[in-house]
Amino acid sequence: MSIQRNNRDKDVNAPKIIKKTSLPCFSVFVSLSLSLSPSLSLCSHFLILFFTLLFSLYSLIIHSLILQTCLGFFFIFFSLLLPHFLHKVNSNSSPFYSFLLPQALSSFFILTLNASIKNPP
């Protein structure tokens, strides 16, 4: 009897584990696929990957959808400002929009995917 209950509990928890691990994998995939632009510098590639990993890690930890949405918009806003500061520091850095577009799109896709996982239609 207890063996059947344990198996049933494992089956119920399996989709949660898959959903929690698929989010960072998807975010890394989106980040890498969007950052494969030849106009991006190597530093921009690493920054996109770093912020996307950070975004996916906090979405695993935080369970409040409102807080995740606020932090998601913060990441999108931060991704708008960071290349502007990088461009001012180094005049040879990549253009503003070559970093802005991949980071903002990846943050938006992760935010949308996370909202659909938390609240399925």
N, C-alpha and C. Protein backbone atom coordinates (compact mmCIF):
# COMPACT_ATOMS: atom_id res chain seq x y z
N MET A 1 0.82 -1.20 0.00
CA MET A 1 0.00 0.00 0.00
C MET A 1 0.87 1.27 0.00
N SER A 2 1.89 1.30 0.86
CA SER A 2 2.74 2.49 0.92
C SER A 2 3.61 2.61 -0.33
N ILE A 3 3.95 1.49 -0.96
CA ILE A 3 4.73 1.54 -2.20
C ILE A 3 3.91 2.19 -3.31
N GLN A 4 2.63 1.84 -3.39
CA GLN A 4 1.77 2.46 -4.41
C GLN A 4 1.61 3.95 -4.16
N ARG A 5 1.50 4.34 -2.90
CA ARG A 5 1.35 5.75 -2.57
C ARG A 5 2.63 6.52 -2.93
N ASN A 6 3.79 5.93 -2.64
CA ASN A 6 5.06 6.59 -2.99
C ASN A 6 5.21 6.74 -4.49
N ASN A 7 4.80 5.74 -5.25
CA ASN A 7 4.87 5.84 -6.71
C ASN A 7 3.92 6.91 -7.23
N ARG A 8 2.75 7.00 -6.64
CA ARG A 8 1.79 8.02 -7.05
C ARG A 8 2.31 9.42 -6.71
N ASP A 9 2.96 9.58 -5.55
CA ASP A 9 3.54 10.87 -5.18
C ASP A 9 4.66 11.26 -6.13
N LYS A 10 5.46 10.29 -6.56
CA LYS A 10 6.54 10.59 -7.50
C LYS A 10 5.96 11.04 -8.84
N ASP A 11 4.87 10.42 -9.29
CA ASP A 11 4.26 10.80 -10.56
C ASP A 11 3.68 12.21 -10.49
N VAL A 12 3.14 12.58 -9.34
CA VAL A 12 2.55 13.92 -9.19
C VAL A 12 3.65 14.97 -9.19
N ASN A 13 4.81 14.68 -8.57
CA ASN A 13 5.88 15.66 -8.48
C ASN A 13 6.73 15.73 -9.74
N ALA A 14 6.64 14.75 -10.62
CA ALA A 14 7.48 14.73 -11.81
C ALA A 14 7.27 15.94 -12.72
N PRO A 15 6.04 16.36 -13.03
CA PRO A 15 5.89 17.54 -13.91
C PRO A 15 6.49 18.81 -13.31
N LYS A 16 6.44 18.97 -11.98
CA LYS A 16 7.01 20.15 -11.36
C LYS A 16 8.52 20.20 -11.57
N ILE A 17 9.16 19.04 -11.42
CA ILE A 17 10.62 18.98 -11.60
C ILE A 17 10.97 19.28 -13.05
N ILE A 18 10.21 18.73 -13.99
CA ILE A 18 10.47 18.98 -15.41
C ILE A 18 10.28 20.46 -15.72
N LYS A 19 9.23 21.07 -15.19
CA LYS A 19 8.98 22.49 -15.45
C LYS A 19 10.08 23.34 -14.86
N LYS A 20 10.56 23.00 -13.65
CA LYS A 20 11.59 23.81 -13.02
C LYS A 20 12.92 23.70 -13.73
N THR A 21 13.24 22.53 -14.27
CA THR A 21 14.52 22.39 -14.94
C THR A 21 14.46 22.82 -16.40
N SER A 22 13.27 22.84 -17.01
CA SER A 22 13.19 23.24 -18.41
C SER A 22 13.33 24.74 -18.58
N LEU A 23 12.99 25.53 -17.57
CA LEU A 23 13.08 26.98 -17.70
C LEU A 23 14.51 27.47 -17.89
N PRO A 24 15.48 27.07 -17.04
CA PRO A 24 16.84 27.55 -17.31
C PRO A 24 17.42 27.01 -18.60
N CYS A 25 17.08 25.78 -18.95
CA CYS A 25 17.58 25.22 -20.22
C CYS A 25 17.03 26.02 -21.39
N PHE A 26 15.76 26.36 -21.35
CA PHE A 26 15.16 27.14 -22.42
C PHE A 26 15.76 28.54 -22.48
N SER A 27 16.00 29.13 -21.31
CA SER A 27 16.54 30.49 -21.30
C SER A 27 17.95 30.53 -21.87
N VAL A 28 18.76 29.52 -21.56
CA VAL A 28 20.10 29.47 -22.13
C VAL A 28 20.02 29.26 -23.64
N PHE A 29 19.11 28.42 -24.08
CA PHE A 29 18.95 28.20 -25.52
C PHE A 29 18.54 29.48 -26.24
N VAL A 30 17.56 30.18 -25.68
CA VAL A 30 17.10 31.43 -26.30
C VAL A 30 18.23 32.46 -26.32
N SER A 31 18.95 32.55 -25.20
CA SER A 31 20.04 33.51 -25.12
C SER A 31 21.13 33.21 -26.14
N LEU A 32 21.50 31.95 -26.27
CA LEU A 32 22.54 31.59 -27.22
C LEU A 32 22.08 31.79 -28.66
N SER A 33 20.85 31.41 -28.94
CA SER A 33 20.37 31.54 -30.32
C SER A 33 20.20 32.99 -30.72
N LEU A 34 19.81 33.85 -29.78
CA LEU A 34 19.64 35.26 -30.11
C LEU A 34 20.96 36.02 -30.14
N SER A 35 21.98 35.48 -29.46
CA SER A 35 23.24 36.21 -29.39
C SER A 35 24.24 35.74 -30.45
N LEU A 36 23.81 34.94 -31.40
CA LEU A 36 24.72 34.45 -32.43
C LEU A 36 24.89 35.45 -33.57
N SER A 37 24.77 36.69 -33.28
CA SER A 37 24.96 37.71 -34.28
C SER A 37 26.46 37.99 -34.44
N PRO A 38 26.97 38.04 -35.67
CA PRO A 38 28.41 38.28 -35.84
C PRO A 38 28.84 39.68 -35.43
N SER A 39 27.89 40.60 -35.28
CA SER A 39 28.26 41.97 -34.91
C SER A 39 28.53 42.10 -33.41
N LEU A 40 28.19 41.07 -32.62
CA LEU A 40 28.40 41.15 -31.18
C LEU A 40 29.85 40.84 -30.83
N SER A 41 30.35 41.53 -29.83
CA SER A 41 31.69 41.23 -29.34
C SER A 41 31.62 40.04 -28.38
N LEU A 42 32.77 39.51 -28.05
CA LEU A 42 32.83 38.36 -27.14
C LEU A 42 32.31 38.74 -25.76
N CYS A 43 32.61 39.95 -25.33
CA CYS A 43 32.13 40.43 -24.03
C CYS A 43 30.60 40.47 -24.00
N SER A 44 29.99 40.89 -25.09
CA SER A 44 28.53 40.94 -25.15
C SER A 44 27.92 39.55 -25.09
N HIS A 45 28.57 38.56 -25.74
CA HIS A 45 28.08 37.19 -25.67
C HIS A 45 28.06 36.70 -24.22
N PHE A 46 29.14 36.94 -23.50
CA PHE A 46 29.22 36.49 -22.11
C PHE A 46 28.23 37.23 -21.23
N LEU A 47 28.04 38.51 -21.48
CA LEU A 47 27.08 39.27 -20.67
C LEU A 47 25.65 38.79 -20.89
N ILE A 48 25.31 38.51 -22.14
CA ILE A 48 23.97 38.00 -22.43
C ILE A 48 23.76 36.67 -21.73
N LEU A 49 24.73 35.78 -21.83
CA LEU A 49 24.62 34.48 -21.19
C LEU A 49 24.55 34.61 -19.67
N PHE A 50 25.36 35.50 -19.10
CA PHE A 50 25.38 35.68 -17.65
C PHE A 50 24.04 36.18 -17.12
N PHE A 51 23.49 37.21 -17.76
CA PHE A 51 22.23 37.76 -17.27
C PHE A 51 21.06 36.80 -17.51
N THR A 52 21.14 36.02 -18.57
CA THR A 52 20.08 35.04 -18.80
C THR A 52 20.14 33.92 -17.78
N LEU A 53 21.34 33.48 -17.44
CA LEU A 53 21.48 32.47 -16.39
C LEU A 53 21.01 33.02 -15.05
N LEU A 54 21.36 34.26 -14.77
CA LEU A 54 20.92 34.88 -13.52
C LEU A 54 19.40 34.99 -13.47
N PHE A 55 18.81 35.37 -14.59
CA PHE A 55 17.36 35.48 -14.70
C PHE A 55 16.69 34.13 -14.46
N SER A 56 17.24 33.06 -15.06
CA SER A 56 16.63 31.75 -14.90
C SER A 56 16.83 31.21 -13.49
N LEU A 57 17.95 31.55 -12.85
CA LEU A 57 18.17 31.09 -11.48
C LEU A 57 17.20 31.75 -10.51
N TYR A 58 16.96 33.05 -10.67
CA TYR A 58 16.04 33.69 -9.73
C TYR A 58 14.61 33.19 -9.97
N SER A 59 14.28 32.81 -11.20
CA SER A 59 12.92 32.33 -11.43
C SER A 59 12.73 30.92 -10.87
N LEU A 60 13.82 30.20 -10.61
CA LEU A 60 13.68 28.93 -9.92
C LEU A 60 13.47 29.14 -8.42
N ILE A 61 14.05 30.20 -7.89
CA ILE A 61 14.01 30.42 -6.44
C ILE A 61 12.72 31.12 -6.02
N ILE A 62 12.32 32.13 -6.77
CA ILE A 62 11.16 32.95 -6.39
C ILE A 62 9.89 32.32 -6.95
N HIS A 63 8.89 32.15 -6.12
CA HIS A 63 7.66 31.51 -6.55
C HIS A 63 6.52 32.49 -6.77
N SER A 64 6.71 33.75 -6.40
CA SER A 64 5.66 34.75 -6.58
C SER A 64 5.71 35.28 -8.01
N LEU A 65 4.59 35.15 -8.73
CA LEU A 65 4.54 35.58 -10.12
C LEU A 65 4.67 37.10 -10.23
N ILE A 66 4.11 37.84 -9.28
CA ILE A 66 4.20 39.31 -9.33
C ILE A 66 5.64 39.75 -9.15
N LEU A 67 6.35 39.13 -8.20
CA LEU A 67 7.75 39.49 -7.99
C LEU A 67 8.60 39.08 -9.18
N GLN A 68 8.31 37.93 -9.78
CA GLN A 68 9.04 37.50 -10.97
C GLN A 68 8.82 38.47 -12.12
N THR A 69 7.59 38.96 -12.28
CA THR A 69 7.30 39.91 -13.35
C THR A 69 8.04 41.22 -13.12
N CYS A 70 8.05 41.71 -11.88
CA CYS A 70 8.78 42.95 -11.58
C CYS A 70 10.27 42.79 -11.85
N LEU A 71 10.85 41.67 -11.41
CA LEU A 71 12.26 41.44 -11.65
C LEU A 71 12.55 41.23 -13.13
N GLY A 72 11.60 40.62 -13.84
CA GLY A 72 11.76 40.44 -15.27
C GLY A 72 11.83 41.77 -16.00
N PHE A 73 10.95 42.69 -15.62
CA PHE A 73 11.01 44.01 -16.24
C PHE A 73 12.26 44.77 -15.84
N PHE A 74 12.75 44.51 -14.61
CA PHE A 74 14.02 45.12 -14.21
C PHE A 74 15.15 44.61 -15.09
N PHE A 75 15.16 43.31 -15.39
CA PHE A 75 16.20 42.77 -16.26
C PHE A 75 16.11 43.37 -17.66
N ILE A 76 14.90 43.53 -18.16
CA ILE A 76 14.74 44.13 -19.49
C ILE A 76 15.22 45.59 -19.46
N PHE A 77 14.85 46.32 -18.42
CA PHE A 77 15.28 47.72 -18.29
C PHE A 77 16.80 47.81 -18.15
N PHE A 78 17.37 46.90 -17.35
CA PHE A 78 18.82 46.88 -17.15
C PHE A 78 19.54 46.55 -18.45
N SER A 79 18.95 45.66 -19.24
CA SER A 79 19.56 45.31 -20.52
C SER A 79 19.50 46.47 -21.50
N LEU A 80 18.56 47.41 -21.28
CA LEU A 80 18.52 48.61 -22.12
C LEU A 80 19.63 49.59 -21.74
N LEU A 81 19.98 49.65 -20.46
CA LEU A 81 20.96 50.63 -20.01
C LEU A 81 22.39 50.15 -20.11
N LEU A 82 22.62 48.85 -19.91
CA LEU A 82 23.98 48.34 -19.84
C LEU A 82 24.80 48.61 -21.10
N PRO A 83 24.27 48.35 -22.31
CA PRO A 83 25.11 48.61 -23.48
C PRO A 83 25.42 50.08 -23.69
N HIS A 84 24.53 50.96 -23.20
CA HIS A 84 24.79 52.39 -23.31
C HIS A 84 26.03 52.75 -22.48
N PHE A 85 26.12 52.20 -21.25
CA PHE A 85 27.29 52.45 -20.41
C PHE A 85 28.53 51.79 -20.99
N LEU A 86 28.38 50.57 -21.54
CA LEU A 86 29.53 49.90 -22.14
C LEU A 86 30.05 50.70 -23.34
N HIS A 87 29.14 51.27 -24.10
CA HIS A 87 29.54 52.03 -25.28
C HIS A 87 30.26 53.32 -24.88
N LYS A 88 29.85 53.92 -23.76
CA LYS A 88 30.52 55.14 -23.30
C LYS A 88 31.91 54.82 -22.75
N VAL A 89 32.05 53.67 -22.08
CA VAL A 89 33.34 53.31 -21.51
C VAL A 89 34.33 52.96 -22.62
N ASN A 90 33.88 52.18 -23.58
CA ASN A 90 34.76 51.73 -24.65
C ASN A 90 34.14 52.12 -25.99
N SER A 91 34.77 53.02 -26.69
CA SER A 91 34.20 53.49 -27.95
C SER A 91 34.28 52.42 -29.04
N ASN A 92 35.11 51.39 -28.86
CA ASN A 92 35.22 50.32 -29.86
C ASN A 92 34.26 49.17 -29.59
N SER A 93 33.39 49.32 -28.60
CA SER A 93 32.48 48.22 -28.27
C SER A 93 31.38 48.10 -29.32
N SER A 94 30.61 47.04 -29.20
CA SER A 94 29.55 46.80 -30.20
C SER A 94 28.46 47.85 -30.08
N PRO A 95 27.68 48.06 -31.14
CA PRO A 95 26.63 49.08 -31.10
C PRO A 95 25.55 48.77 -30.06
N PHE A 96 24.80 49.80 -29.74
CA PHE A 96 23.79 49.72 -28.68
C PHE A 96 22.76 48.63 -28.97
N TYR A 97 22.20 48.64 -30.15
CA TYR A 97 21.09 47.74 -30.44
C TYR A 97 21.52 46.29 -30.65
N SER A 98 22.79 46.04 -30.95
CA SER A 98 23.22 44.66 -31.13
C SER A 98 23.23 43.91 -29.80
N PHE A 99 23.38 44.63 -28.70
CA PHE A 99 23.27 43.98 -27.39
C PHE A 99 21.86 44.07 -26.84
N LEU A 100 21.21 45.19 -27.11
CA LEU A 100 19.87 45.43 -26.56
C LEU A 100 18.86 44.40 -27.04
N LEU A 101 18.83 44.14 -28.33
CA LEU A 101 17.79 43.27 -28.88
C LEU A 101 17.87 41.84 -28.35
N PRO A 102 19.02 41.17 -28.38
CA PRO A 102 19.04 39.80 -27.85
C PRO A 102 18.69 39.71 -26.38
N GLN A 103 19.23 40.63 -25.57
CA GLN A 103 18.98 40.54 -24.13
C GLN A 103 17.52 40.85 -23.80
N ALA A 104 16.96 41.86 -24.41
CA ALA A 104 15.57 42.21 -24.12
C ALA A 104 14.63 41.12 -24.61
N LEU A 105 14.90 40.56 -25.79
CA LEU A 105 14.03 39.49 -26.30
C LEU A 105 14.14 38.23 -25.46
N SER A 106 15.36 37.86 -25.05
CA SER A 106 15.49 36.66 -24.24
C SER A 106 14.81 36.84 -22.89
N SER A 107 14.93 38.03 -22.28
CA SER A 107 14.25 38.28 -21.01
C SER A 107 12.74 38.23 -21.19
N PHE A 108 12.24 38.79 -22.29
CA PHE A 108 10.80 38.78 -22.54
C PHE A 108 10.29 37.35 -22.77
N PHE A 109 11.02 36.54 -23.54
CA PHE A 109 10.60 35.17 -23.78
C PHE A 109 10.61 34.34 -22.50
N ILE A 110 11.62 34.54 -21.68
CA ILE A 110 11.69 33.79 -20.42
C ILE A 110 10.55 34.20 -19.51
N LEU A 111 10.27 35.50 -19.46
CA LEU A 111 9.17 35.99 -18.63
C LEU A 111 7.83 35.43 -19.10
N THR A 112 7.62 35.40 -20.42
CA THR A 112 6.38 34.87 -20.97
C THR A 112 6.25 33.38 -20.72
N LEU A 113 7.34 32.65 -20.92
CA LEU A 113 7.31 31.21 -20.68
C LEU A 113 7.06 30.91 -19.22
N ASN A 114 7.69 31.67 -18.35
CA ASN A 114 7.52 31.43 -16.93
C ASN A 114 6.09 31.72 -16.49
N ALA A 115 5.49 32.76 -17.04
CA ALA A 115 4.10 33.06 -16.70
C ALA A 115 3.17 31.97 -17.21
N SER A 116 3.46 31.40 -18.37
CA SER A 116 2.60 30.34 -18.88
C SER A 116 2.78 29.04 -18.11
N ILE A 117 3.97 28.82 -17.56
CA ILE A 117 4.19 27.62 -16.74
C ILE A 117 3.46 27.77 -15.40
N LYS A 118 3.57 28.97 -14.81
CA LYS A 118 2.93 29.19 -13.50
C LYS A 118 1.42 29.18 -13.60
N ASN A 119 0.88 29.77 -14.67
CA ASN A 119 -0.57 29.85 -14.85
C ASN A 119 -0.94 29.26 -16.20
N PRO A 120 -1.07 27.94 -16.29
CA PRO A 120 -1.42 27.36 -17.59
C PRO A 120 -2.81 27.78 -18.03
N PRO A 121 -3.03 27.89 -19.35
CA PRO A 121 -4.34 28.35 -19.83
C PRO A 121 -5.45 27.35 -19.55
